Amino acid sequence: MPLRARWLGTVAYREALALQQALFAHGGEQHLLLLEHPHVFTYGPRTDLSANLRCEPADVGAELVAVKRGGDVTYHGPGQLVGYPIVSVANSLGASDHVRAVQQVVVHTLHELGLTSAGCLPDYPGVWIDPDGPNPRKICAIGVRLSRGRTMHGFALNVTTDLTYMREHIVPCGIADKPVTSLAEELAGTGREVSMREVVDVLVRHAAEVWGAGAVERQDVAWRHRPDDLSAFSRGEGPGAAVRTAADHGVAAEPVRLMQRLGQAGVTDGLAIASRKPDWLRPKVVHGPEVLALKKTVREFGLVTVCEEAGCPNLSDCWSDGTATFMVLGERCTRACGFCLVDTRKPLEPETDEPARVAGAVARTGLDHVVLTMVARDDLADGGMAHVAACIAAIREARPQARVETLVSDAKGDAASLEVLFAARPDVMNHNIETVARLQRAVRPSAGYARSLGVLARAKHAGLTTKSGLVVGMGETPDEIEGCLADLASIGVDIVTIGQYLRPTSHHLPVARWVHPDEFVAWKATGEAFGIGHVEASPLTRSSYHARQAADQVTPVAVR
């Protein structure tokens, strides 16, 4: 079994913790998460905070988080490589053996990078510089949890870390009489600088020997992700420039930036927008009486369906089957993803009567499976989750037998906002990861691979049926799709959809290739072999395609 190594960039501590917990609880794969955290102090259950925390965390721009791991108070922040091996170990090995394995990986990495005096200090955890000399200095903290042969938490290696946070604000790991150091500090004066990427490359190779028998499957998010990569709304700067269509819908005017992001991700070519689609992407649409009746009801209640808004090729199929997808919280999105045609002008205030109108339409048409999707609403404190929850409650009051699926944004990863939705208990909680790790920055720069996995992990922990989706044909490789499916399976995702990307306008990402139907068949088999309950995969599959049938495969119809 290969080690699935993931460089995730900068990830909030609580988001990474949710992802760790899901991999720990559901995964049988060998995972190594590598990342940086924003400033945070963490502490284990035996920590004496009154003695070892010397500041008010908020005053120095840091969080304070309690965790279930060994060790005392420690610090994570920019310039520090944090590694979380979520791996299975032999029953005969204990926590101390796993700690020694982590130490081995870090020590071998530092030796290769030029710090040949790195080693271990008896009776002290972590990795030290010059442990046998007169001035041993701690360069890497280690704190792990081992339960039922599965591990989580890990190590924090100081690369270019601001050591002020350790030297002045805490007693690192409760060790007051020994200093801390960093790779940059130890190499100062040697003329050599080592980048975070170089450290990761070396460490992954050594980690694969320990936890993957030398085999590794690695995926990285973008190594550069600046604030100006985000949409104007996500930066808090308003709508920005837009190209207007005849209907006055705005599309982010940034084709040059999109292509730069793709190029940095290794995608340098694509199909012309006028390229003829293959026959398998030419659906036959037949609007029967059920479809026409639903169209009429939607208009009467003043609602929007994403089925129509996105020009979904499966509209007649789904509507005639008693399934429809309503888009709530307006038609204007606060993000500008590289593949999406939704309007990006300043959103309007949520309509307070929308839950009642959606419920009325559902009751009148007798829908059995309702999908509620939404635009991203980063302008709202809770990301719009309370509004979606209100829609769920209204639908259940109007038509108790209807199953409700939600397809939601990430709420910026805010746990409290997500809990508002989870408390409404949607029958299926869908959040799309959209693409592989390498292409996230180009495809949806205001979101993130780790954050999406964290949202799904939190939903699964809340006991919900979880679902996610991928759009392919944007430059990803088959191996990357397989790795993404392994990640989704390892956090317990129940349903996955995979469909072909179709370019909406010339201002959107190009199609890299038309994916043959046989590849979708293979991905379905792969995903379900990993343990995903149902994979819906075909060129024309969209997030809500066969939503009712997919839910039937993994969960019974709720009885209320």
Protein backbone atom coordinates (compact mmCIF):
# COMPACT_ATOMS: atom_id res chain seq x y z
CA MET A 1 0.00 0.00 0.00
CA PRO A 2 1.60 3.33 -1.03
CA LEU A 3 1.95 6.29 1.28
CA ARG A 4 -0.51 8.94 0.11
CA ALA A 5 1.45 12.15 0.74
CA ARG A 6 -0.40 15.46 0.44
CA TRP A 7 1.15 18.93 0.54
CA LEU A 8 -1.89 21.03 1.52
CA GLY A 9 -0.39 24.52 1.85
CA THR A 10 -1.65 26.75 4.66
CA VAL A 11 -4.53 25.15 6.57
CA ALA A 12 -6.29 26.35 9.72
CA TYR A 13 -5.55 24.06 12.64
CA ARG A 14 -9.18 23.09 13.33
CA GLU A 15 -9.77 22.26 9.66
CA ALA A 16 -6.74 20.02 9.59
CA LEU A 17 -7.84 18.41 12.85
CA ALA A 18 -11.26 17.54 11.38
CA LEU A 19 -9.53 15.98 8.37
CA GLN A 20 -7.14 14.04 10.59
CA GLN A 21 -9.97 12.72 12.74
CA ALA A 22 -11.87 11.47 9.69
CA LEU A 23 -8.81 9.74 8.23
CA PHE A 24 -8.14 8.26 11.67
CA ALA A 25 -11.72 6.98 12.04
CA HIS A 26 -12.54 5.82 8.50
CA GLY A 27 -9.34 5.29 6.55
CA GLY A 28 -7.34 2.17 6.06
CA GLU A 29 -4.92 3.93 3.73
CA GLN A 30 -1.51 5.29 4.74
CA HIS A 31 -1.73 9.08 4.70
CA LEU A 32 0.82 11.81 5.38
CA LEU A 33 -0.60 15.33 5.51
CA LEU A 34 2.02 18.08 5.15
CA LEU A 35 1.11 21.72 5.66
CA GLU A 36 1.65 25.01 7.45
CA HIS A 37 -0.75 26.45 10.03
CA PRO A 38 -1.61 30.05 10.80
CA HIS A 39 -0.39 31.03 14.29
CA VAL A 40 -1.79 28.60 16.87
CA PHE A 41 -0.83 27.19 20.28
CA THR A 42 -1.95 23.65 21.02
CA TYR A 43 -1.76 21.71 24.24
CA GLY A 44 -2.32 18.18 25.44
CA PRO A 45 -4.42 17.01 28.41
CA ARG A 46 -1.50 17.02 30.86
CA THR A 47 -0.34 20.56 30.04
CA ASP A 48 0.11 23.11 32.84
CA LEU A 49 -1.01 26.21 30.94
CA SER A 50 -0.50 28.52 33.93
CA ALA A 51 3.20 27.65 33.90
CA ASN A 52 3.90 27.11 30.21
CA LEU A 53 1.72 29.68 28.38
CA ARG A 54 3.25 33.11 28.81
CA CYS A 55 0.89 35.25 26.74
CA GLU A 56 -2.72 35.84 25.86
CA PRO A 57 -2.90 34.04 22.48
CA ALA A 58 -5.26 36.58 20.90
CA ASP A 59 -2.81 39.38 21.74
CA VAL A 60 -0.16 37.78 19.50
CA GLY A 61 -2.60 36.82 16.72
CA ALA A 62 -2.81 33.15 17.65
CA GLU A 63 -5.49 30.60 18.51
CA LEU A 64 -5.38 28.28 21.52
CA VAL A 65 -6.64 24.73 20.86
CA ALA A 66 -6.82 21.71 23.19
CA VAL A 67 -5.94 18.39 21.53
CA LYS A 68 -5.86 14.72 22.50
CA ARG A 69 -2.19 13.92 22.08
CA GLY A 70 0.94 13.48 24.12
CA GLY A 71 3.20 16.40 24.89
CA ASP A 72 2.82 19.84 26.43
CA VAL A 73 2.05 23.22 24.88
CA THR A 74 3.54 23.81 21.46
CA TYR A 75 3.32 26.35 18.65
CA HIS A 76 2.50 26.05 14.94
CA GLY A 77 2.81 28.85 12.42
CA PRO A 78 4.10 30.04 9.06
CA GLY A 79 7.49 28.67 8.09
CA GLN A 80 7.00 25.51 10.10
CA LEU A 81 6.47 22.18 8.33
CA VAL A 82 3.74 20.28 10.14
CA GLY A 83 3.35 16.61 9.33
CA TYR A 84 0.47 14.35 10.30
CA PRO A 85 1.09 10.66 9.57
CA ILE A 86 -2.32 8.97 9.75
CA VAL A 87 -1.09 5.44 9.30
CA SER A 88 -1.73 1.90 10.49
CA VAL A 89 0.97 0.31 12.62
CA ALA A 90 1.45 -3.26 13.76
CA ASN A 91 -0.40 -4.23 16.94
CA SER A 92 2.94 -5.18 18.49
CA LEU A 93 4.16 -1.59 18.24
CA GLY A 94 3.31 1.03 20.83
CA ALA A 95 3.28 4.83 20.82
CA SER A 96 6.97 4.98 21.69
CA ASP A 97 7.83 2.88 18.63
CA HIS A 98 5.77 5.19 16.43
CA VAL A 99 7.51 8.23 17.92
CA ARG A 100 10.86 6.63 17.06
CA ALA A 101 9.64 6.12 13.48
CA VAL A 102 8.70 9.81 13.22
CA GLN A 103 12.07 10.78 14.67
CA GLN A 104 13.82 8.56 12.10
CA VAL A 105 12.04 10.29 9.21
CA VAL A 106 12.89 13.78 10.46
CA VAL A 107 16.49 12.97 11.42
CA HIS A 108 17.24 11.40 8.03
CA THR A 109 15.67 14.42 6.33
CA LEU A 110 17.80 16.89 8.27
CA HIS A 111 20.97 14.87 7.65
CA GLU A 112 20.33 15.00 3.90
CA LEU A 113 19.72 18.76 4.13
CA GLY A 114 23.09 19.32 5.77
CA LEU A 115 22.34 19.21 9.52
CA THR A 116 24.37 16.11 10.28
CA SER A 117 24.30 16.75 14.02
CA ALA A 118 20.51 16.21 14.17
CA GLY A 119 19.49 13.39 16.47
CA CYS A 120 17.53 12.39 19.56
CA LEU A 121 17.98 13.42 23.16
CA PRO A 122 17.34 10.64 25.71
CA ASP A 123 14.22 11.19 27.83
CA TYR A 124 13.09 14.12 25.66
CA PRO A 125 10.71 13.82 22.69
CA GLY A 126 11.32 15.47 19.35
CA VAL A 127 14.43 15.96 17.25
CA TRP A 128 17.42 17.97 18.41
CA ILE A 129 20.52 19.60 16.97
CA ASP A 130 23.78 18.59 18.69
CA PRO A 131 22.00 16.36 21.25
CA ASP A 132 25.33 15.04 22.59
CA GLY A 133 26.97 18.46 22.81
CA PRO A 134 26.95 21.19 25.44
CA ASN A 135 24.02 23.10 23.87
CA PRO A 136 21.30 20.78 22.48
CA ARG A 137 18.64 22.75 20.55
CA LYS A 138 15.16 21.49 19.67
CA ILE A 139 14.29 21.81 15.99
CA CYS A 140 11.25 19.51 15.79
CA ALA A 141 8.43 18.81 18.25
CA ILE A 142 6.63 15.46 18.19
CA GLY A 143 3.29 14.57 19.75
CA VAL A 144 1.22 11.58 18.61
CA ARG A 145 -1.88 9.61 19.40
CA LEU A 146 -2.11 5.84 18.84
CA SER A 147 -5.36 3.91 19.24
CA ARG A 148 -6.36 0.50 17.89
CA GLY A 149 -3.35 0.38 15.62
CA ARG A 150 -4.04 3.77 13.99
CA THR A 151 -2.10 7.01 14.50
CA MET A 152 -2.76 10.74 14.25
CA HIS A 153 -1.06 14.05 15.13
CA GLY A 154 2.68 14.08 14.38
CA PHE A 155 5.58 16.52 14.13
CA ALA A 156 6.35 20.20 13.68
CA LEU A 157 9.69 20.96 12.04
CA ASN A 158 10.97 24.55 12.24
CA VAL A 159 12.13 25.57 8.77
CA THR A 160 11.91 29.39 8.66
CA THR A 161 9.68 29.74 11.74
CA ASP A 162 9.48 32.99 13.69
CA LEU A 163 10.96 31.59 16.91
CA THR A 164 9.70 34.54 18.96
CA TYR A 165 6.48 32.63 19.46
CA MET A 166 8.39 29.82 21.16
CA ARG A 167 11.08 31.78 22.95
CA GLU A 168 8.87 34.46 24.45
CA HIS A 169 5.24 33.29 24.45
CA ILE A 170 5.41 29.66 25.65
CA VAL A 171 7.65 27.13 27.31
CA PRO A 172 7.95 24.84 24.27
CA CYS A 173 6.77 21.34 25.14
CA GLY A 174 7.19 22.27 28.80
CA ILE A 175 11.01 22.21 28.53
CA ALA A 176 12.24 25.47 30.03
CA ASP A 177 15.99 24.87 30.18
CA LYS A 178 16.70 24.01 26.53
CA PRO A 179 16.45 26.35 23.53
CA VAL A 180 14.65 25.95 20.23
CA THR A 181 16.08 26.50 16.75
CA SER A 182 15.17 26.28 13.08
CA LEU A 183 16.67 25.01 9.85
CA ALA A 184 17.20 28.59 8.66
CA GLU A 185 18.92 29.57 11.90
CA GLU A 186 21.23 26.55 11.86
CA LEU A 187 22.19 27.17 8.22
CA ALA A 188 22.77 30.90 8.71
CA GLY A 189 26.30 31.80 7.71
CA THR A 190 26.74 28.70 5.55
CA GLY A 191 25.53 30.42 2.39
CA ARG A 192 22.85 27.81 1.91
CA GLU A 193 19.09 28.42 1.99
CA VAL A 194 16.60 25.57 1.93
CA SER A 195 13.03 26.15 0.73
CA MET A 196 9.95 24.55 2.25
CA ARG A 197 9.42 22.67 -0.97
CA GLU A 198 12.90 21.16 -0.83
CA VAL A 199 12.29 20.03 2.75
CA VAL A 200 8.98 18.45 1.76
CA ASP A 201 10.53 16.64 -1.21
CA VAL A 202 13.24 15.09 0.94
CA LEU A 203 10.95 14.25 3.84
CA VAL A 204 8.33 12.53 1.65
CA ARG A 205 10.98 10.22 0.26
CA HIS A 206 12.13 9.15 3.72
CA ALA A 207 8.55 8.88 4.99
CA ALA A 208 7.66 6.55 2.12
CA GLU A 209 10.38 4.16 3.23
CA VAL A 210 8.92 3.99 6.73
CA TRP A 211 5.17 4.03 6.05
CA GLY A 212 4.82 3.01 2.40
CA ALA A 213 7.49 0.33 1.84
CA GLY A 214 9.15 2.81 -0.52
CA ALA A 215 5.99 3.49 -2.56
CA VAL A 216 4.42 6.93 -2.55
CA GLU A 217 1.44 8.56 -4.27
CA ARG A 218 1.86 12.31 -3.88
CA GLN A 219 -0.33 15.29 -4.68
CA ASP A 220 0.40 18.95 -3.96
CA VAL A 221 -1.77 22.03 -3.92
CA ALA A 222 -0.28 25.17 -5.46
CA TRP A 223 2.97 26.29 -3.86
CA ARG A 224 2.05 29.93 -4.36
CA HIS A 225 -1.35 31.22 -3.25
CA ARG A 226 -1.45 34.97 -2.71
CA PRO A 227 -4.44 37.05 -1.55
CA ASP A 228 -4.86 38.50 -5.04
CA ASP A 229 -5.65 34.98 -6.30
CA LEU A 230 -9.01 35.30 -4.60
CA SER A 231 -12.14 36.77 -6.14
CA ALA A 232 -12.76 40.40 -5.22
CA PHE A 233 -15.64 39.49 -2.93
CA SER A 234 -13.59 36.89 -1.07
CA ARG A 235 -10.92 39.55 -0.51
CA GLY A 236 -13.58 41.90 0.84
CA GLU A 237 -13.09 44.38 -2.01
CA GLY A 238 -16.47 44.32 -3.76
CA PRO A 239 -17.43 43.01 -7.18
CA GLY A 240 -14.47 44.10 -9.29
CA ALA A 241 -14.49 44.20 -13.07
CA ALA A 242 -16.91 42.07 -15.02
CA VAL A 243 -17.86 41.31 -18.59
CA ARG A 244 -21.58 41.85 -19.16
CA THR A 245 -23.74 39.64 -21.32
CA ALA A 246 -26.98 40.69 -22.91
CA ALA A 247 -28.77 39.53 -19.77
CA ASP A 248 -26.39 41.68 -17.68
CA HIS A 249 -24.83 38.69 -15.95
CA GLY A 250 -21.27 39.28 -14.82
CA VAL A 251 -18.41 36.90 -15.50
CA ALA A 252 -15.07 37.62 -13.87
CA ALA A 253 -12.83 39.28 -16.46
CA GLU A 254 -9.62 37.48 -15.68
CA PRO A 255 -8.78 35.01 -18.46
CA VAL A 256 -5.10 35.96 -18.32
CA ARG A 257 -4.85 35.27 -14.61
CA LEU A 258 -6.73 31.99 -15.01
CA MET A 259 -4.31 30.84 -17.69
CA GLN A 260 -1.32 31.85 -15.53
CA ARG A 261 -2.65 29.73 -12.69
CA LEU A 262 -3.17 26.79 -15.02
CA GLY A 263 0.32 27.19 -16.42
CA GLN A 264 1.82 27.21 -12.93
CA ALA A 265 -0.06 23.96 -12.31
CA GLY A 266 1.49 22.42 -15.43
CA VAL A 267 -1.49 22.76 -17.80
CA THR A 268 -0.34 24.65 -20.87
CA ASP A 269 -2.74 23.54 -23.58
CA GLY A 270 -6.47 23.19 -24.15
CA LEU A 271 -9.18 22.79 -26.74
CA ALA A 272 -10.55 25.80 -28.60
CA ILE A 273 -13.97 26.83 -27.34
CA ALA A 274 -15.39 26.09 -30.82
CA SER A 275 -14.11 22.51 -30.77
CA ARG A 276 -16.83 20.05 -31.73
CA LYS A 277 -18.07 17.94 -28.88
CA PRO A 278 -18.00 14.19 -29.30
CA ASP A 279 -21.29 12.37 -29.80
CA TRP A 280 -21.42 11.15 -26.20
CA LEU A 281 -21.76 14.78 -25.06
CA ARG A 282 -24.86 15.42 -27.16
CA PRO A 283 -27.89 14.58 -25.00
CA LYS A 284 -31.42 14.06 -26.28
CA VAL A 285 -33.77 16.32 -24.31
CA VAL A 286 -37.49 15.53 -24.16
CA HIS A 287 -39.77 17.74 -22.05
CA GLY A 288 -42.75 15.65 -21.00
CA PRO A 289 -45.80 16.86 -19.05
CA GLU A 290 -44.10 16.44 -15.64
CA VAL A 291 -41.25 18.71 -16.74
CA LEU A 292 -43.55 21.37 -18.11
CA ALA A 293 -45.68 21.32 -14.95
CA LEU A 294 -42.63 21.81 -12.75
CA LYS A 295 -41.40 24.65 -14.96
CA LYS A 296 -44.74 26.38 -14.50
CA THR A 297 -44.68 25.94 -10.72
CA VAL A 298 -41.13 27.26 -10.45
CA ARG A 299 -42.17 30.41 -12.32
CA GLU A 300 -45.29 30.92 -10.21
CA PHE A 301 -43.30 30.76 -6.96
CA GLY A 302 -40.55 33.04 -8.28
CA LEU A 303 -37.83 30.44 -7.78
CA VAL A 304 -34.56 29.59 -9.50
CA THR A 305 -33.43 26.08 -10.34
CA VAL A 306 -29.77 25.42 -10.98
CA CYS A 307 -30.98 22.88 -13.52
CA GLU A 308 -32.08 25.74 -15.77
CA GLU A 309 -29.52 28.32 -14.64
CA ALA A 310 -26.61 26.04 -15.54
CA GLY A 311 -28.26 24.61 -18.65
CA CYS A 312 -28.04 21.09 -17.26
CA PRO A 313 -28.38 18.43 -19.97
CA ASN A 314 -30.16 16.11 -17.54
CA LEU A 315 -33.04 18.44 -16.65
CA SER A 316 -35.82 16.44 -18.30
CA ASP A 317 -34.48 13.15 -16.93
CA CYS A 318 -34.35 14.37 -13.31
CA TRP A 319 -37.57 16.41 -13.30
CA SER A 320 -39.61 13.61 -14.78
CA ASP A 321 -38.17 11.35 -12.05
CA GLY A 322 -39.43 13.56 -9.23
CA THR A 323 -36.10 15.29 -8.46
CA ALA A 324 -35.25 18.97 -8.85
CA THR A 325 -32.50 21.30 -7.64
CA PHE A 326 -33.45 24.71 -6.28
CA MET A 327 -30.81 27.43 -5.99
CA VAL A 328 -31.38 29.54 -2.88
CA LEU A 329 -29.82 32.72 -1.49
CA GLY A 330 -29.99 34.48 -4.84
CA GLU A 331 -28.26 34.16 -8.18
CA ARG A 332 -25.09 36.15 -7.39
CA CYS A 333 -22.01 34.48 -5.98
CA THR A 334 -19.24 36.01 -3.87
CA ARG A 335 -16.59 33.89 -5.55
CA ALA A 336 -15.26 33.71 -9.08
CA CYS A 337 -14.39 30.10 -9.85
CA GLY A 338 -12.66 29.39 -13.13
CA PHE A 339 -15.31 27.00 -14.43
CA CYS A 340 -18.61 28.55 -13.30
CA LEU A 341 -20.99 30.90 -15.13
CA VAL A 342 -22.89 32.16 -12.07
CA ASP A 343 -23.19 35.95 -11.76
CA THR A 344 -20.50 37.56 -9.55
CA ARG A 345 -22.01 41.00 -8.94
CA LYS A 346 -22.75 42.18 -5.41
CA PRO A 347 -25.40 39.85 -3.91
CA LEU A 348 -28.78 41.03 -2.71
CA GLU A 349 -30.05 40.40 0.80
CA PRO A 350 -31.54 36.90 1.32
CA GLU A 351 -35.30 36.79 0.74
CA THR A 352 -36.95 35.88 4.04
CA ASP A 353 -39.94 34.25 2.35
CA GLU A 354 -37.81 32.02 0.12
CA PRO A 355 -38.00 28.93 2.41
CA ALA A 356 -41.80 29.08 2.31
CA ARG A 357 -41.84 29.52 -1.48
CA VAL A 358 -39.49 26.57 -2.02
CA ALA A 359 -41.60 24.43 0.31
CA GLY A 360 -44.77 25.46 -1.53
CA ALA A 361 -43.31 24.43 -4.88
CA VAL A 362 -42.17 21.09 -3.47
CA ALA A 363 -45.60 20.37 -1.99
CA ARG A 364 -47.50 21.33 -5.13
CA THR A 365 -45.36 19.23 -7.45
CA GLY A 366 -45.05 16.26 -5.08
CA LEU A 367 -41.27 16.01 -5.39
CA ASP A 368 -39.73 13.00 -3.66
CA HIS A 369 -36.10 14.16 -3.62
CA VAL A 370 -35.27 17.84 -3.35
CA VAL A 371 -31.78 19.24 -3.79
CA LEU A 372 -31.05 22.67 -2.33
CA THR A 373 -27.97 24.29 -3.78
CA MET A 374 -26.62 27.75 -3.15
CA VAL A 375 -24.24 30.38 -4.37
CA ALA A 376 -21.30 31.11 -2.07
CA ARG A 377 -22.30 33.89 0.33
CA ASP A 378 -19.08 35.03 1.98
CA ASP A 379 -20.82 38.34 2.68
CA LEU A 380 -23.02 36.66 5.31
CA ALA A 381 -21.65 35.91 8.78
CA ASP A 382 -22.70 32.25 8.62
CA GLY A 383 -22.15 31.82 4.90
CA GLY A 384 -25.91 31.39 4.43
CA MET A 385 -26.18 28.15 6.40
CA ALA A 386 -29.10 29.32 8.58
CA HIS A 387 -31.09 30.17 5.44
CA VAL A 388 -30.48 26.72 3.96
CA ALA A 389 -31.48 25.16 7.29
CA ALA A 390 -34.71 27.19 7.24
CA CYS A 391 -35.46 25.85 3.75
CA ILE A 392 -34.99 22.28 5.00
CA ALA A 393 -37.40 22.86 7.89
CA ALA A 394 -40.02 24.43 5.62
CA ILE A 395 -39.85 21.59 3.09
CA ARG A 396 -40.24 18.96 5.81
CA GLU A 397 -43.26 20.72 7.22
CA ALA A 398 -44.90 21.01 3.79
CA ARG A 399 -43.97 17.54 2.51
CA PRO A 400 -42.60 15.29 5.27
CA GLN A 401 -41.94 12.33 2.98
CA ALA A 402 -39.58 14.28 0.72
CA ARG A 403 -35.86 13.61 1.13
CA VAL A 404 -33.75 16.80 1.23
CA GLU A 405 -30.21 16.97 -0.11
CA THR A 406 -28.09 20.10 0.32
CA LEU A 407 -25.25 21.14 -1.98
CA VAL A 408 -23.49 23.90 -0.09
CA SER A 409 -20.45 26.15 0.00
CA ASP A 410 -17.68 25.67 2.56
CA ALA A 411 -18.75 28.59 4.83
CA LYS A 412 -15.03 29.49 4.91
CA GLY A 413 -14.52 26.37 6.98
CA ASP A 414 -16.24 27.93 10.00
CA ALA A 415 -17.31 25.08 12.30
CA ALA A 416 -20.10 27.04 14.04
CA SER A 417 -21.72 27.99 10.72
CA LEU A 418 -21.55 24.44 9.42
CA GLU A 419 -23.08 23.12 12.66
CA VAL A 420 -26.16 25.26 11.98
CA LEU A 421 -26.73 23.30 8.78
CA PHE A 422 -25.80 19.94 10.30
CA ALA A 423 -28.35 20.49 13.09
CA ALA A 424 -31.08 20.65 10.41
CA ARG A 425 -30.11 17.07 9.48
CA PRO A 426 -30.22 17.12 5.67
CA ASP A 427 -30.70 13.59 4.34
CA VAL A 428 -27.62 14.07 2.16
CA MET A 429 -24.93 16.73 2.75
CA ASN A 430 -23.13 17.48 -0.51
CA HIS A 431 -20.08 19.69 -0.84
CA ASN A 432 -18.11 19.46 -4.08
CA ILE A 433 -14.34 19.22 -4.01
CA GLU A 434 -14.55 19.94 -7.79
CA THR A 435 -11.00 19.03 -8.85
CA VAL A 436 -7.71 17.47 -7.81
CA ALA A 437 -5.28 19.14 -5.40
CA ARG A 438 -2.91 20.50 -8.08
CA LEU A 439 -5.64 22.42 -9.94
CA GLN A 440 -7.52 23.93 -6.98
CA ARG A 441 -5.91 27.35 -7.26
CA ALA A 442 -6.85 27.72 -10.92
CA VAL A 443 -10.28 26.14 -10.71
CA ARG A 444 -11.55 27.67 -7.44
CA PRO A 445 -8.97 29.96 -5.83
CA SER A 446 -11.28 31.09 -3.01
CA ALA A 447 -11.68 27.52 -1.77
CA GLY A 448 -9.23 24.77 -0.89
CA TYR A 449 -8.65 21.04 -1.12
CA ALA A 450 -8.01 20.57 2.60
CA ARG A 451 -10.91 22.82 3.57
CA SER A 452 -13.35 20.86 1.42
CA LEU A 453 -12.14 17.57 2.84
CA GLY A 454 -12.53 19.11 6.30
CA VAL A 455 -16.14 20.19 5.60
CA LEU A 456 -17.01 16.68 4.46
CA ALA A 457 -15.18 15.18 7.44
CA ARG A 458 -17.16 17.34 9.87
CA ALA A 459 -20.44 16.36 8.19
CA LYS A 460 -19.55 12.69 8.44
CA HIS A 461 -18.62 13.11 12.11
CA ALA A 462 -22.07 14.65 12.64
CA GLY A 463 -23.60 11.41 11.36
CA LEU A 464 -24.76 12.69 7.98
CA THR A 465 -24.71 10.93 4.64
CA THR A 466 -22.00 12.78 2.70
CA LYS A 467 -21.52 13.43 -1.00
CA SER A 468 -18.99 15.21 -3.18
CA GLY A 469 -18.32 15.78 -6.86
CA LEU A 470 -15.52 16.13 -9.40
CA VAL A 471 -15.43 17.84 -12.79
CA VAL A 472 -12.86 16.29 -15.13
CA GLY A 473 -11.24 17.31 -18.37
CA MET A 474 -9.47 20.40 -16.97
CA GLY A 475 -5.93 19.05 -17.05
CA GLU A 476 -5.90 16.51 -14.24
CA THR A 477 -4.32 13.08 -14.73
CA PRO A 478 -6.08 9.74 -14.19
CA ASP A 479 -3.73 9.01 -11.29
CA GLU A 480 -4.74 12.27 -9.63
CA ILE A 481 -8.43 11.38 -9.95
CA GLU A 482 -7.70 8.01 -8.36
CA GLY A 483 -5.82 9.71 -5.52
CA CYS A 484 -8.69 12.13 -4.94
CA LEU A 485 -11.16 9.24 -4.82
CA ALA A 486 -8.91 7.54 -2.27
CA ASP A 487 -8.95 10.70 -0.14
CA LEU A 488 -12.75 10.98 -0.30
CA ALA A 489 -13.17 7.31 0.57
CA SER A 490 -10.71 7.62 3.45
CA ILE A 491 -12.85 10.26 5.20
CA GLY A 492 -16.02 8.23 4.74
CA VAL A 493 -17.73 10.03 1.84
CA ASP A 494 -20.76 7.98 0.77
CA ILE A 495 -21.54 9.30 -2.74
CA VAL A 496 -19.33 10.83 -5.45
CA THR A 497 -20.29 12.27 -8.83
CA ILE A 498 -17.85 12.64 -11.74
CA GLY A 499 -18.68 14.48 -14.97
CA GLN A 500 -17.08 16.18 -17.97
CA TYR A 501 -16.23 19.89 -17.76
CA LEU A 502 -17.87 22.04 -20.44
CA ARG A 503 -16.47 25.54 -20.90
CA PRO A 504 -19.22 28.18 -20.51
CA THR A 505 -17.42 31.14 -22.19
CA SER A 506 -14.01 32.17 -23.47
CA HIS A 507 -13.42 33.87 -20.11
CA HIS A 508 -13.44 30.51 -18.36
CA LEU A 509 -10.90 27.72 -18.12
CA PRO A 510 -10.41 25.79 -21.36
CA VAL A 511 -11.32 22.15 -21.74
CA ALA A 512 -8.08 20.18 -21.70
CA ARG A 513 -9.63 17.07 -23.25
CA TRP A 514 -12.85 15.19 -23.86
CA VAL A 515 -12.83 12.26 -21.46
CA HIS A 516 -14.01 8.97 -23.00
CA PRO A 517 -17.00 7.23 -21.36
CA ASP A 518 -14.87 4.15 -20.65
CA GLU A 519 -12.75 6.19 -18.24
CA PHE A 520 -15.83 7.14 -16.23
CA VAL A 521 -16.77 3.47 -15.98
CA ALA A 522 -13.29 2.71 -14.65
CA TRP A 523 -13.43 5.54 -12.08
CA LYS A 524 -16.79 4.28 -10.82
CA ALA A 525 -15.27 0.85 -10.23
CA THR A 526 -12.18 2.36 -8.59
CA GLY A 527 -14.12 4.61 -6.23
CA GLU A 528 -16.49 1.88 -5.13
CA ALA A 529 -13.56 -0.50 -4.63
CA PHE A 530 -12.07 2.10 -2.27
CA GLY A 531 -15.29 1.91 -0.24
CA ILE A 532 -17.41 4.79 -1.58
CA GLY A 533 -21.01 3.58 -1.42
CA HIS A 534 -22.06 4.90 -4.85
CA VAL A 535 -20.13 6.61 -7.64
CA GLU A 536 -22.20 8.23 -10.39
CA ALA A 537 -19.81 8.78 -13.29
CA SER A 538 -20.45 9.60 -16.93
CA PRO A 539 -19.70 12.48 -19.31
CA LEU A 540 -23.03 14.19 -18.62
CA THR A 541 -23.15 13.54 -14.87
CA ARG A 542 -23.72 16.63 -12.76
CA SER A 543 -23.92 16.98 -8.98
CA SER A 544 -27.63 16.22 -8.78
CA TYR A 545 -27.86 13.65 -11.57
CA HIS A 546 -29.63 10.52 -10.33
CA ALA A 547 -29.49 12.07 -6.84
CA ARG A 548 -32.47 10.08 -5.59
CA GLN A 549 -31.13 6.78 -6.89
CA ALA A 550 -27.69 7.47 -5.44
CA ALA A 551 -29.17 8.25 -2.03
CA ASP A 552 -31.24 5.04 -2.24
CA GLN A 553 -28.00 3.11 -2.61
CA VAL A 554 -26.47 4.35 0.63
CA THR A 555 -29.29 5.39 2.96
CA PRO A 556 -32.96 4.45 3.44
CA VAL A 557 -35.70 7.01 3.00
CA ALA A 558 -36.06 8.82 6.31
CA VAL A 559 -39.17 8.15 8.35
CA ARG A 560 -40.41 11.20 10.24
